[in-house]
C-alpha atoms as a PDB file:
ATOM      1  CA  MET A   1      48.460 -41.782   0.561  1.00  0.00           C
ATOM      2  CA  ALA A   2      50.007 -39.494   3.197  1.00  0.00           C
ATOM      3  CA  GLU A   3      46.564 -38.406   4.389  1.00  0.00           C
ATOM      4  CA  GLU A   4      45.919 -41.916   5.762  1.00  0.00           C
ATOM      5  CA  TYR A   5      48.513 -41.369   8.481  1.00  0.00           C
ATOM      6  CA  ASP A   6      47.734 -37.773   9.460  1.00  0.00           C
ATOM      7  CA  ASP A   7      45.497 -38.709  12.414  1.00  0.00           C
ATOM      8  CA  GLU A   8      47.827 -41.442  13.658  1.00  0.00           C
ATOM      9  CA  PHE A   9      50.945 -39.292  13.995  1.00  0.00           C
ATOM     10  CA  THR A  10      50.620 -36.336  16.322  1.00  0.00           C
ATOM     11  CA  CYS A  11      53.543 -35.181  18.429  1.00  0.00           C
ATOM     12  CA  ALA A  12      52.782 -35.847  22.100  1.00  0.00           C
ATOM     13  CA  LEU A  13      54.830 -32.796  23.087  1.00  0.00           C
ATOM     14  CA  SER A  14      53.718 -30.182  20.580  1.00  0.00           C
ATOM     15  CA  GLY A  15      50.595 -31.399  18.810  1.00  0.00           C
ATOM     16  CA  LEU A  16      52.381 -31.063  15.465  1.00  0.00           C
ATOM     17  CA  THR A  17      51.633 -33.490  12.653  1.00  0.00           C
ATOM     18  CA  PRO A  18      54.138 -34.681  10.035  1.00  0.00           C
ATOM     19  CA  THR A  19      54.860 -32.614   6.975  1.00  0.00           C
ATOM     20  CA  ALA A  20      54.298 -34.195   3.574  1.00  0.00           C
ATOM     21  CA  ASP A  21      58.067 -34.779   3.247  1.00  0.00           C
ATOM     22  CA  GLU A  22      58.176 -36.601   6.588  1.00  0.00           C
ATOM     23  CA  MET A  23      55.253 -38.931   5.866  1.00  0.00           C
ATOM     24  CA  PRO A  24      56.099 -42.601   5.366  1.00  0.00           C
ATOM     25  CA  ASP A  25      55.416 -44.386   2.104  1.00  0.00           C
ATOM     26  CA  ALA A  26      52.226 -46.445   2.101  1.00  0.00           C
ATOM     27  CA  ALA A  27      54.381 -49.501   1.305  1.00  0.00           C
ATOM     28  CA  ASP A  28      56.409 -49.176   4.535  1.00  0.00           C
ATOM     29  CA  GLN A  29      55.828 -52.212   6.749  1.00  0.00           C
ATOM     30  CA  ASP A  30      56.342 -50.221   9.943  1.00  0.00           C
ATOM     31  CA  PRO A  31      55.383 -46.698   8.957  1.00  0.00           C
ATOM     32  CA  ILE A  32      56.730 -43.884  11.064  1.00  0.00           C
ATOM     33  CA  PRO A  33      57.396 -40.365   9.782  1.00  0.00           C
ATOM     34  CA  MET A  34      60.979 -39.621   8.789  1.00  0.00           C
ATOM     35  CA  GLY A  35      62.908 -38.124  11.711  1.00  0.00           C
ATOM     36  CA  TRP A  36      60.110 -38.785  14.207  1.00  0.00           C
ATOM     37  CA  THR A  37      60.524 -40.841  17.368  1.00  0.00           C
ATOM     38  CA  ARG A  38      58.097 -43.524  18.477  1.00  0.00           C
ATOM     39  CA  VAL A  39      58.011 -44.081  22.249  1.00  0.00           C
ATOM     40  CA  THR A  40      56.278 -47.194  23.553  1.00  0.00           C
ATOM     41  CA  LEU A  41      55.824 -47.693  27.266  1.00  0.00           C
ATOM     42  CA  GLU A  42      54.665 -50.991  28.718  1.00  0.00           C
ATOM     43  CA  ARG A  43      53.638 -51.580  32.292  1.00  0.00           C
ATOM     44  CA  ARG A  44      53.150 -55.048  33.736  1.00  0.00           C
ATOM     45  CA  ASP A  45      50.997 -55.508  36.823  1.00  0.00           C
ATOM     46  CA  PRO A  46      49.418 -58.453  38.591  1.00  0.00           C
ATOM     47  CA  ASN A  47      46.042 -59.259  37.079  1.00  0.00           C
ATOM     48  CA  PRO A  48      43.390 -58.404  39.710  1.00  0.00           C
ATOM     49  CA  GLU A  49      41.222 -61.273  38.440  1.00  0.00           C
ATOM     50  CA  TRP A  50      44.098 -63.733  39.010  1.00  0.00           C
ATOM     51  CA  LEU A  51      44.626 -62.378  42.527  1.00  0.00           C
ATOM     52  CA  ARG A  52      40.897 -62.735  43.307  1.00  0.00           C
ATOM     53  CA  LEU A  53      40.963 -66.318  42.061  1.00  0.00           C
ATOM     54  CA  GLN A  54      43.900 -67.106  44.373  1.00  0.00           C
ATOM     55  CA  ALA A  55      42.053 -65.548  47.315  1.00  0.00           C
ATOM     56  CA  ILE A  56      38.939 -67.585  46.506  1.00  0.00           C
ATOM     57  CA  LYS A  57      41.000 -70.790  46.436  1.00  0.00           C
ATOM     58  CA  VAL A  58      42.555 -70.021  49.840  1.00  0.00           C
ATOM     59  CA  ALA A  59      39.159 -69.137  51.324  1.00  0.00           C
ATOM     60  CA  THR A  60      37.602 -72.306  49.912  1.00  0.00           C
ATOM     61  CA  ILE A  61      40.362 -74.448  51.436  1.00  0.00           C
ATOM     62  CA  GLN A  62      40.012 -72.712  54.815  1.00  0.00           C
ATOM     63  CA  GLN A  63      36.224 -73.006  54.797  1.00  0.00           C
ATOM     64  CA  THR A  64      36.358 -76.679  53.940  1.00  0.00           C
ATOM     65  CA  LEU A  65      38.981 -77.396  56.603  1.00  0.00           C
ATOM     66  CA  GLU A  66      36.864 -75.655  59.260  1.00  0.00           C
ATOM     67  CA  GLN A  67      34.098 -78.194  58.604  1.00  0.00           C
ATOM     68  CA  ILE A  68      36.439 -81.080  59.452  1.00  0.00           C
ATOM     69  CA  PRO A  69      37.160 -82.009  63.084  1.00  0.00           C
ATOM     70  CA  GLU A  70      40.404 -80.383  64.241  1.00  0.00           C
ATOM     71  CA  GLU A  71      42.170 -83.689  64.885  1.00  0.00           C
ATOM     72  CA  ALA A  72      41.616 -84.795  61.245  1.00  0.00           C
ATOM     73  CA  ARG A  73      42.499 -81.482  59.527  1.00  0.00           C
ATOM     74  CA  GLY A  74      46.204 -82.249  59.146  1.00  0.00           C
ATOM     75  CA  GLN A  75      45.520 -85.406  57.173  1.00  0.00           C
ATOM     76  CA  ALA A  76      42.763 -83.808  55.089  1.00  0.00           C
ATOM     77  CA  ALA A  77      44.562 -80.546  54.237  1.00  0.00           C
ATOM     78  CA  MET A  78      46.579 -81.900  51.316  1.00  0.00           C
ATOM     79  CA  VAL A  79      43.589 -83.723  49.810  1.00  0.00           C
ATOM     80  CA  ILE A  80      41.378 -80.643  50.092  1.00  0.00           C
ATOM     81  CA  GLU A  81      44.077 -78.446  48.583  1.00  0.00           C
ATOM     82  CA  TYR A  82      44.362 -80.779  45.576  1.00  0.00           C
ATOM     83  CA  GLN A  83      40.592 -80.874  45.174  1.00  0.00           C
ATOM     84  CA  VAL A  84      40.320 -77.079  45.226  1.00  0.00           C
ATOM     85  CA  ARG A  85      43.245 -76.696  42.817  1.00  0.00           C
ATOM     86  CA  ALA A  86      41.575 -79.160  40.440  1.00  0.00           C
ATOM     87  CA  GLN A  87      38.228 -77.396  40.814  1.00  0.00           C
ATOM     88  CA  TYR A  88      39.712 -74.071  39.671  1.00  0.00           C
ATOM     89  CA  ALA A  89      42.330 -75.417  37.218  1.00  0.00           C
ATOM     90  CA  ALA A  90      40.396 -74.601  34.037  1.00  0.00           C
ATOM     91  CA  LEU A  91      39.546 -71.078  35.141  1.00  0.00           C
ATOM     92  CA  GLU A  92      43.095 -70.506  36.343  1.00  0.00           C
ATOM     93  CA  ALA A  93      44.497 -71.751  33.004  1.00  0.00           C
ATOM     94  CA  GLN A  94      42.528 -69.142  31.067  1.00  0.00           C
ATOM     95  CA  THR A  95      43.252 -66.284  33.464  1.00  0.00           C
ATOM     96  CA  PRO A  96      46.591 -64.540  32.852  1.00  0.00           C
ATOM     97  CA  LYS A  97      48.695 -63.881  35.948  1.00  0.00           C
ATOM     98  CA  PHE A  98      49.667 -60.437  34.716  1.00  0.00           C
ATOM     99  CA  SER A  99      48.140 -57.629  32.699  1.00  0.00           C
ATOM    100  CA  THR A 100      50.224 -55.424  30.450  1.00  0.00           C
ATOM    101  CA  ASP A 101      49.222 -51.908  29.495  1.00  0.00           C
ATOM    102  CA  GLU A 102      50.948 -50.373  26.487  1.00  0.00           C
ATOM    103  CA  VAL A 103      50.963 -46.760  25.337  1.00  0.00           C
ATOM    104  CA  THR A 104      52.629 -45.496  22.163  1.00  0.00           C
ATOM    105  CA  VAL A 105      53.256 -41.830  21.423  1.00  0.00           C
ATOM    106  CA  TYR A 106      55.175 -40.012  18.722  1.00  0.00           C
ATOM    107  CA  LEU A 107      57.609 -37.124  18.997  1.00  0.00           C
ATOM    108  CA  ALA A 108      58.258 -34.677  16.177  1.00  0.00           C
ATOM    109  CA  PRO A 109      61.893 -34.148  15.221  1.00  0.00           C
ATOM    110  CA  GLY A 110      63.764 -31.594  17.295  1.00  0.00           C
ATOM    111  CA  SER A 111      64.418 -29.669  14.090  1.00  0.00           C
ATOM    112  CA  ARG A 112      60.725 -28.658  14.133  1.00  0.00           C
ATOM    113  CA  GLY A 113      61.271 -26.399  17.149  1.00  0.00           C
ATOM    114  CA  ALA A 114      63.690 -25.533  19.947  1.00  0.00           C
ATOM    115  CA  GLU A 115      61.136 -26.411  22.654  1.00  0.00           C
ATOM    116  CA  ILE A 116      60.591 -29.833  21.120  1.00  0.00           C
ATOM    117  CA  GLN A 117      64.341 -30.469  20.984  1.00  0.00           C
ATOM    118  CA  LYS A 118      64.699 -29.343  24.590  1.00  0.00           C
ATOM    119  CA  ALA A 119      61.913 -31.694  25.720  1.00  0.00           C
ATOM    120  CA  ILE A 120      63.345 -34.617  23.744  1.00  0.00           C
ATOM    121  CA  ASP A 121      66.811 -33.991  25.194  1.00  0.00           C
ATOM    122  CA  ALA A 122      65.351 -33.891  28.724  1.00  0.00           C
ATOM    123  CA  LEU A 123      63.452 -37.133  28.094  1.00  0.00           C
ATOM    124  CA  TYR A 124      66.538 -38.910  26.773  1.00  0.00           C
ATOM    125  CA  ASP A 125      68.597 -37.570  29.657  1.00  0.00           C
ATOM    126  CA  SER A 126      66.110 -38.643  32.315  1.00  0.00           C
ATOM    127  CA  LEU A 127      65.940 -42.146  30.804  1.00  0.00           C
ATOM    128  CA  GLY A 128      69.709 -42.430  30.465  1.00  0.00           C
ATOM    129  CA  ILE A 129      69.563 -42.716  26.670  1.00  0.00           C
ATOM    130  CA  GLU A 130      72.363 -41.198  24.639  1.00  0.00           C
ATOM    131  CA  ALA A 131      70.767 -38.866  22.094  1.00  0.00           C
ATOM    132  CA  GLU A 132      71.681 -39.492  18.498  1.00  0.00           C
ATOM    133  CA  ALA A 133      73.342 -36.639  16.653  1.00  0.00           C
ATOM    134  CA  GLU A 134      71.037 -35.178  14.015  1.00  0.00           C
ATOM    135  CA  ASP A 135      72.128 -35.419  10.427  1.00  0.00           C
ATOM    136  CA  ASP A 136      73.091 -31.931   9.177  1.00  0.00           C
ATOM    137  CA  GLY A 137      71.450 -32.641   5.833  1.00  0.00           C
ATOM    138  CA  ALA A 138      68.034 -33.478   7.289  1.00  0.00           C
ATOM    139  CA  ASP A 139      66.369 -30.350   8.536  1.00  0.00           C
ATOM    140  CA  GLY A 140      62.850 -31.801   8.516  1.00  0.00           C
ATOM    141  CA  GLU A 141      61.412 -29.035   6.374  1.00  0.00           C
END
């Protein structure tokens, strides 16, 4: 069953793939090769579609108010705002305010090469993560 995972697990730093001994069992609920590190990065940004919808609402309110005589605009502003909000409520409800991009990569164990260990140490250091001490009995080979 190990062959099923070969394409999924490639070290982002070295291009190495897991050895047969490192491969997870097919029964594992969250398979990840033994000794490997999974890094998931998520980035949350405003949804451009949501921002466009907000701009359209503002423009619609302004356009509508410009059609009303200036002396009556103050009284009409709240009513127009409610009408525009109601007009776009369904679309706004199905448009998320934010978009989240997620990327997952895998890192081979540092025991697979000094350069890999050096890169992993630098990554942990730059992120302020305390590196776990490797188990002397697990050499990854």
